[in-house]
PDB file of all heavy atoms in Angstrom:
ATOM      1  N   ILE A   1       4.625 -56.543 -79.613  1.00  0.00           N
ATOM      2  CA  ILE A   1       4.548 -55.591 -78.453  1.00  0.00           C
ATOM      3  C   ILE A   1       3.900 -56.267 -77.232  1.00  0.00           C
ATOM      4  O   ILE A   1       2.952 -57.015 -77.414  1.00  0.00           O
ATOM      5  CB  ILE A   1       3.690 -54.328 -78.874  1.00  0.00           C
ATOM      6  CG1 ILE A   1       4.317 -53.691 -80.116  1.00  0.00           C
ATOM      7  CG2 ILE A   1       3.393 -53.372 -77.748  1.00  0.00           C
ATOM      8  CD1 ILE A   1       3.580 -52.522 -80.717  1.00  0.00           C
ATOM      9  N   LEU A   2       4.564 -56.005 -76.118  1.00  0.00           N
ATOM     10  CA  LEU A   2       4.056 -56.691 -74.883  1.00  0.00           C
ATOM     11  C   LEU A   2       2.845 -55.988 -74.343  1.00  0.00           C
ATOM     12  O   LEU A   2       2.780 -55.382 -73.285  1.00  0.00           O
ATOM     13  CB  LEU A   2       5.210 -56.727 -73.847  1.00  0.00           C
ATOM     14  CG  LEU A   2       6.557 -57.261 -74.239  1.00  0.00           C
ATOM     15  CD1 LEU A   2       7.643 -57.053 -73.299  1.00  0.00           C
ATOM     16  CD2 LEU A   2       6.321 -58.710 -74.664  1.00  0.00           C
ATOM     17  N   ALA A   3       1.759 -56.099 -75.027  1.00  0.00           N
ATOM     18  CA  ALA A   3       0.420 -55.562 -74.707  1.00  0.00           C
ATOM     19  C   ALA A   3      -0.627 -56.403 -75.346  1.00  0.00           C
ATOM     20  O   ALA A   3      -0.440 -57.045 -76.385  1.00  0.00           O
ATOM     21  CB  ALA A   3       0.399 -54.031 -75.165  1.00  0.00           C
ATOM     22  N   SER A   4      -1.847 -56.237 -74.800  1.00  0.00           N
ATOM     23  CA  SER A   4      -2.987 -56.911 -75.433  1.00  0.00           C
ATOM     24  C   SER A   4      -3.403 -56.262 -76.718  1.00  0.00           C
ATOM     25  O   SER A   4      -3.209 -54.967 -76.928  1.00  0.00           O
ATOM     26  CB  SER A   4      -4.151 -56.938 -74.385  1.00  0.00           C
ATOM     27  OG  SER A   4      -4.675 -55.655 -74.268  1.00  0.00           O
ATOM     28  N   ALA A   5      -4.076 -56.983 -77.550  1.00  0.00           N
ATOM     29  CA  ALA A   5      -4.675 -56.372 -78.780  1.00  0.00           C
ATOM     30  C   ALA A   5      -5.581 -55.333 -78.418  1.00  0.00           C
ATOM     31  O   ALA A   5      -5.752 -54.289 -79.075  1.00  0.00           O
ATOM     32  CB  ALA A   5      -5.323 -57.500 -79.619  1.00  0.00           C
ATOM     33  N   ARG A   6      -6.323 -55.507 -77.348  1.00  0.00           N
ATOM     34  CA  ARG A   6      -7.258 -54.522 -76.901  1.00  0.00           C
ATOM     35  C   ARG A   6      -6.686 -53.161 -76.603  1.00  0.00           C
ATOM     36  O   ARG A   6      -7.148 -52.130 -77.020  1.00  0.00           O
ATOM     37  CB  ARG A   6      -8.068 -55.000 -75.601  1.00  0.00           C
ATOM     38  CG  ARG A   6      -8.954 -53.918 -75.025  1.00  0.00           C
ATOM     39  CD  ARG A   6      -9.671 -54.438 -73.802  1.00  0.00           C
ATOM     40  NE  ARG A   6     -10.935 -54.909 -74.345  1.00  0.00           N
ATOM     41  CZ  ARG A   6     -11.784 -55.575 -73.632  1.00  0.00           C
ATOM     42  NH1 ARG A   6     -11.627 -55.706 -72.343  1.00  0.00           N
ATOM     43  NH2 ARG A   6     -12.898 -55.940 -74.158  1.00  0.00           N
ATOM     44  N   SER A   7      -5.548 -53.253 -75.798  1.00  0.00           N
ATOM     45  CA  SER A   7      -4.741 -51.921 -75.503  1.00  0.00           C
ATOM     46  C   SER A   7      -4.270 -51.282 -76.741  1.00  0.00           C
ATOM     47  O   SER A   7      -4.328 -50.029 -76.898  1.00  0.00           O
ATOM     48  CB  SER A   7      -3.644 -52.208 -74.546  1.00  0.00           C
ATOM     49  OG  SER A   7      -4.134 -52.675 -73.294  1.00  0.00           O
ATOM     50  N   LEU A   8      -3.738 -52.029 -77.654  1.00  0.00           N
ATOM     51  CA  LEU A   8      -3.152 -51.559 -78.870  1.00  0.00           C
ATOM     52  C   LEU A   8      -4.256 -51.013 -79.778  1.00  0.00           C
ATOM     53  O   LEU A   8      -4.077 -49.872 -80.381  1.00  0.00           O
ATOM     54  CB  LEU A   8      -2.402 -52.711 -79.596  1.00  0.00           C
ATOM     55  CG  LEU A   8      -1.124 -53.161 -78.831  1.00  0.00           C
ATOM     56  CD1 LEU A   8      -0.621 -54.488 -79.288  1.00  0.00           C
ATOM     57  CD2 LEU A   8      -0.053 -52.082 -78.865  1.00  0.00           C
ATOM     58  N   TYR A   9      -5.265 -51.682 -79.979  1.00  0.00           N
ATOM     59  CA  TYR A   9      -6.420 -51.196 -80.779  1.00  0.00           C
ATOM     60  C   TYR A   9      -6.944 -49.841 -80.235  1.00  0.00           C
ATOM     61  O   TYR A   9      -7.203 -48.871 -80.936  1.00  0.00           O
ATOM     62  CB  TYR A   9      -7.555 -52.182 -80.799  1.00  0.00           C
ATOM     63  CG  TYR A   9      -8.690 -51.892 -81.724  1.00  0.00           C
ATOM     64  CD1 TYR A   9      -8.610 -52.097 -83.034  1.00  0.00           C
ATOM     65  CD2 TYR A   9      -9.888 -51.358 -81.252  1.00  0.00           C
ATOM     66  CE1 TYR A   9      -9.621 -51.785 -83.991  1.00  0.00           C
ATOM     67  CE2 TYR A   9     -10.914 -50.984 -82.000  1.00  0.00           C
ATOM     68  CZ  TYR A   9     -10.783 -51.182 -83.489  1.00  0.00           C
ATOM     69  OH  TYR A   9     -11.860 -50.851 -84.271  1.00  0.00           O
ATOM     70  N   ARG A  10      -6.976 -49.693 -78.880  1.00  0.00           N
ATOM     71  CA  ARG A  10      -7.427 -48.398 -78.254  1.00  0.00           C
ATOM     72  C   ARG A  10      -6.531 -47.286 -78.577  1.00  0.00           C
ATOM     73  O   ARG A  10      -6.975 -46.084 -78.637  1.00  0.00           O
ATOM     74  CB  ARG A  10      -7.628 -48.588 -76.772  1.00  0.00           C
ATOM     75  CG  ARG A  10      -8.882 -49.401 -76.390  1.00  0.00           C
ATOM     76  CD  ARG A  10      -9.301 -49.242 -74.998  1.00  0.00           C
ATOM     77  NE  ARG A  10      -8.316 -49.822 -74.105  1.00  0.00           N
ATOM     78  CZ  ARG A  10      -8.573 -50.484 -73.029  1.00  0.00           C
ATOM     79  NH1 ARG A  10      -9.868 -50.696 -72.657  1.00  0.00           N
ATOM     80  NH2 ARG A  10      -7.640 -51.048 -72.262  1.00  0.00           N
ATOM     81  N   ALA A  11      -5.272 -47.572 -78.852  1.00  0.00           N
ATOM     82  CA  ALA A  11      -4.296 -46.437 -79.230  1.00  0.00           C
ATOM     83  C   ALA A  11      -4.660 -45.858 -80.592  1.00  0.00           C
ATOM     84  O   ALA A  11      -4.255 -44.729 -80.874  1.00  0.00           O
ATOM     85  CB  ALA A  11      -2.909 -47.052 -79.253  1.00  0.00           C
ATOM     86  N   PHE A  12      -5.489 -46.556 -81.290  1.00  0.00           N
ATOM     87  CA  PHE A  12      -5.963 -45.988 -82.598  1.00  0.00           C
ATOM     88  C   PHE A  12      -7.284 -45.193 -82.434  1.00  0.00           C
ATOM     89  O   PHE A  12      -7.743 -44.626 -83.435  1.00  0.00           O
ATOM     90  CB  PHE A  12      -6.151 -47.168 -83.633  1.00  0.00           C
ATOM     91  CG  PHE A  12      -4.870 -47.725 -84.221  1.00  0.00           C
ATOM     92  CD1 PHE A  12      -4.123 -48.674 -83.529  1.00  0.00           C
ATOM     93  CD2 PHE A  12      -4.529 -47.366 -85.471  1.00  0.00           C
ATOM     94  CE1 PHE A  12      -3.026 -49.171 -84.056  1.00  0.00           C
ATOM     95  CE2 PHE A  12      -3.338 -47.889 -85.990  1.00  0.00           C
ATOM     96  CZ  PHE A  12      -2.574 -48.809 -85.248  1.00  0.00           C
ATOM     97  N   LEU A  13      -7.888 -45.346 -81.250  1.00  0.00           N
ATOM     98  CA  LEU A  13      -9.193 -44.723 -81.069  1.00  0.00           C
ATOM     99  C   LEU A  13      -9.198 -43.391 -80.368  1.00  0.00           C
ATOM    100  O   LEU A  13     -10.197 -42.831 -80.160  1.00  0.00           O
ATOM    101  CB  LEU A  13     -10.128 -45.729 -80.227  1.00  0.00           C
ATOM    102  CG  LEU A  13     -10.360 -47.049 -80.986  1.00  0.00           C
ATOM    103  CD1 LEU A  13     -11.246 -47.909 -79.997  1.00  0.00           C
ATOM    104  CD2 LEU A  13     -10.906 -46.994 -82.299  1.00  0.00           C
ATOM    105  N   ASP A  14      -7.988 -42.974 -79.985  1.00  0.00           N
ATOM    106  CA  ASP A  14      -7.833 -41.791 -79.183  1.00  0.00           C
ATOM    107  C   ASP A  14      -6.786 -40.837 -79.991  1.00  0.00           C
ATOM    108  O   ASP A  14      -5.669 -41.169 -80.219  1.00  0.00           O
ATOM    109  CB  ASP A  14      -7.222 -42.092 -77.799  1.00  0.00           C
ATOM    110  CG  ASP A  14      -7.104 -40.978 -76.917  1.00  0.00           C
ATOM    111  OD1 ASP A  14      -6.135 -40.155 -77.121  1.00  0.00           O
ATOM    112  OD2 ASP A  14      -7.858 -40.852 -75.980  1.00  0.00           O
ATOM    113  N   ALA A  15      -7.315 -39.632 -80.315  1.00  0.00           N
ATOM    114  CA  ALA A  15      -6.523 -38.734 -81.082  1.00  0.00           C
ATOM    115  C   ALA A  15      -5.195 -38.296 -80.370  1.00  0.00           C
ATOM    116  O   ALA A  15      -4.170 -38.255 -81.006  1.00  0.00           O
ATOM    117  CB  ALA A  15      -7.329 -37.420 -81.417  1.00  0.00           C
ATOM    118  N   GLU A  16      -5.254 -38.072 -79.048  1.00  0.00           N
ATOM    119  CA  GLU A  16      -4.096 -37.646 -78.313  1.00  0.00           C
ATOM    120  C   GLU A  16      -3.057 -38.827 -78.255  1.00  0.00           C
ATOM    121  O   GLU A  16      -1.834 -38.562 -78.464  1.00  0.00           O
ATOM    122  CB  GLU A  16      -4.432 -37.255 -76.913  1.00  0.00           C
ATOM    123  CG  GLU A  16      -3.247 -36.707 -76.100  1.00  0.00           C
ATOM    124  CD  GLU A  16      -3.732 -36.124 -74.781  1.00  0.00           C
ATOM    125  OE1 GLU A  16      -4.853 -35.834 -74.576  1.00  0.00           O
ATOM    126  OE2 GLU A  16      -2.832 -36.152 -73.920  1.00  0.00           O
ATOM    127  N   MET A  17      -3.549 -39.998 -78.046  1.00  0.00           N
ATOM    128  CA  MET A  17      -2.618 -41.201 -77.999  1.00  0.00           C
ATOM    129  C   MET A  17      -1.988 -41.326 -79.411  1.00  0.00           C
ATOM    130  O   MET A  17      -0.788 -41.579 -79.506  1.00  0.00           O
ATOM    131  CB  MET A  17      -3.407 -42.450 -77.694  1.00  0.00           C
ATOM    132  CG  MET A  17      -3.702 -42.491 -76.143  1.00  0.00           C
ATOM    133  SD  MET A  17      -4.438 -44.111 -75.734  1.00  0.00           S
ATOM    134  CE  MET A  17      -3.125 -45.209 -75.809  1.00  0.00           C
ATOM    135  N   MET A  18      -2.777 -41.261 -80.488  1.00  0.00           N
ATOM    136  CA  MET A  18      -2.275 -41.418 -81.869  1.00  0.00           C
ATOM    137  C   MET A  18      -1.227 -40.301 -82.094  1.00  0.00           C
ATOM    138  O   MET A  18      -0.150 -40.712 -82.659  1.00  0.00           O
ATOM    139  CB  MET A  18      -3.355 -41.332 -82.845  1.00  0.00           C
ATOM    140  CG  MET A  18      -2.907 -41.745 -84.220  1.00  0.00           C
ATOM    141  SD  MET A  18      -4.170 -41.744 -85.514  1.00  0.00           S
ATOM    142  CE  MET A  18      -4.942 -43.301 -85.188  1.00  0.00           C
ATOM    143  N   ALA A  19      -1.458 -39.084 -81.742  1.00  0.00           N
ATOM    144  CA  ALA A  19      -0.456 -38.068 -81.951  1.00  0.00           C
ATOM    145  C   ALA A  19       0.855 -38.385 -81.166  1.00  0.00           C
ATOM    146  O   ALA A  19       1.894 -38.050 -81.705  1.00  0.00           O
ATOM    147  CB  ALA A  19      -1.001 -36.645 -81.532  1.00  0.00           C
ATOM    148  N   ASN A  20       0.783 -39.077 -80.102  1.00  0.00           N
ATOM    149  CA  ASN A  20       2.024 -39.440 -79.359  1.00  0.00           C
ATOM    150  C   ASN A  20       2.786 -40.559 -79.931  1.00  0.00           C
ATOM    151  O   ASN A  20       3.959 -40.603 -79.621  1.00  0.00           O
ATOM    152  CB  ASN A  20       1.612 -39.743 -77.891  1.00  0.00           C
ATOM    153  CG  ASN A  20       1.274 -38.472 -77.096  1.00  0.00           C
ATOM    154  OD1 ASN A  20       1.940 -37.483 -77.268  1.00  0.00           O
ATOM    155  ND2 ASN A  20       0.261 -38.506 -76.281  1.00  0.00           N
ATOM    156  N   TRP A  21       2.116 -41.503 -80.613  1.00  0.00           N
ATOM    157  CA  TRP A  21       2.951 -42.622 -81.160  1.00  0.00           C
ATOM    158  C   TRP A  21       3.077 -42.602 -82.611  1.00  0.00           C
ATOM    159  O   TRP A  21       4.092 -43.251 -83.152  1.00  0.00           O
ATOM    160  CB  TRP A  21       2.335 -43.928 -80.650  1.00  0.00           C
ATOM    161  CG  TRP A  21       0.938 -44.334 -81.222  1.00  0.00           C
ATOM    162  CD1 TRP A  21      -0.184 -44.145 -80.717  1.00  0.00           C
ATOM    163  CD2 TRP A  21       0.810 -44.967 -82.483  1.00  0.00           C
ATOM    164  NE1 TRP A  21      -1.199 -44.651 -81.568  1.00  0.00           N
ATOM    165  CE2 TRP A  21      -0.610 -45.135 -82.603  1.00  0.00           C
ATOM    166  CE3 TRP A  21       1.640 -45.458 -83.486  1.00  0.00           C
ATOM    167  CZ2 TRP A  21      -1.172 -45.768 -83.722  1.00  0.00           C
ATOM    168  CZ3 TRP A  21       1.008 -46.109 -84.579  1.00  0.00           C
ATOM    169  CH2 TRP A  21      -0.336 -46.242 -84.700  1.00  0.00           C
ATOM    170  N   ARG A  22       2.290 -41.935 -83.386  1.00  0.00           N
ATOM    171  CA  ARG A  22       2.384 -42.121 -84.880  1.00  0.00           C
ATOM    172  C   ARG A  22       3.543 -41.440 -85.502  1.00  0.00           C
ATOM    173  O   ARG A  22       4.023 -41.842 -86.512  1.00  0.00           O
ATOM    174  CB  ARG A  22       1.085 -41.622 -85.485  1.00  0.00           C
ATOM    175  CG  ARG A  22       0.736 -42.158 -86.792  1.00  0.00           C
ATOM    176  CD  ARG A  22      -0.038 -43.431 -86.684  1.00  0.00           C
ATOM    177  NE  ARG A  22      -0.252 -44.290 -87.740  1.00  0.00           N
ATOM    178  CZ  ARG A  22      -1.330 -44.780 -88.232  1.00  0.00           C
ATOM    179  NH1 ARG A  22      -2.474 -44.300 -87.768  1.00  0.00           N
ATOM    180  NH2 ARG A  22      -1.296 -45.703 -89.072  1.00  0.00           N
ATOM    181  N   ALA A  23       3.956 -40.338 -84.929  1.00  0.00           N
ATOM    182  CA  ALA A  23       4.969 -39.484 -85.573  1.00  0.00           C
ATOM    183  C   ALA A  23       6.355 -40.156 -85.353  1.00  0.00           C
ATOM    184  O   ALA A  23       6.778 -40.604 -84.297  1.00  0.00           O
ATOM    185  CB  ALA A  23       5.160 -38.122 -84.878  1.00  0.00           C
ATOM    186  N   PRO A  24       7.054 -40.336 -86.550  1.00  0.00           N
ATOM    187  CA  PRO A  24       8.404 -40.997 -86.378  1.00  0.00           C
ATOM    188  C   PRO A  24       9.443 -39.904 -85.755  1.00  0.00           C
ATOM    189  O   PRO A  24       9.094 -38.803 -85.455  1.00  0.00           O
ATOM    190  CB  PRO A  24       8.871 -41.153 -87.960  1.00  0.00           C
ATOM    191  CG  PRO A  24       7.860 -40.354 -88.725  1.00  0.00           C
ATOM    192  CD  PRO A  24       6.694 -40.009 -87.895  1.00  0.00           C
ATOM    193  N   GLU A  25      10.619 -40.509 -85.426  1.00  0.00           N
ATOM    194  CA  GLU A  25      11.608 -39.726 -84.741  1.00  0.00           C
ATOM    195  C   GLU A  25      11.873 -38.451 -85.572  1.00  0.00           C
ATOM    196  O   GLU A  25      11.979 -38.469 -86.875  1.00  0.00           O
ATOM    197  CB  GLU A  25      12.793 -40.528 -84.638  1.00  0.00           C
ATOM    198  CG  GLU A  25      13.993 -39.971 -83.786  1.00  0.00           C
ATOM    199  CD  GLU A  25      15.116 -40.832 -83.581  1.00  0.00           C
ATOM    200  OE1 GLU A  25      14.899 -42.111 -83.409  1.00  0.00           O
ATOM    201  OE2 GLU A  25      16.282 -40.352 -83.666  1.00  0.00           O
TER     202      GLU A  25
END
């Protein structure tokens, strides 16, 4: 993924962000 580990790790620390990316199609 064209992002830093810091940005990616933060996506696991925010419930709203996680809800946006975790669900499969």
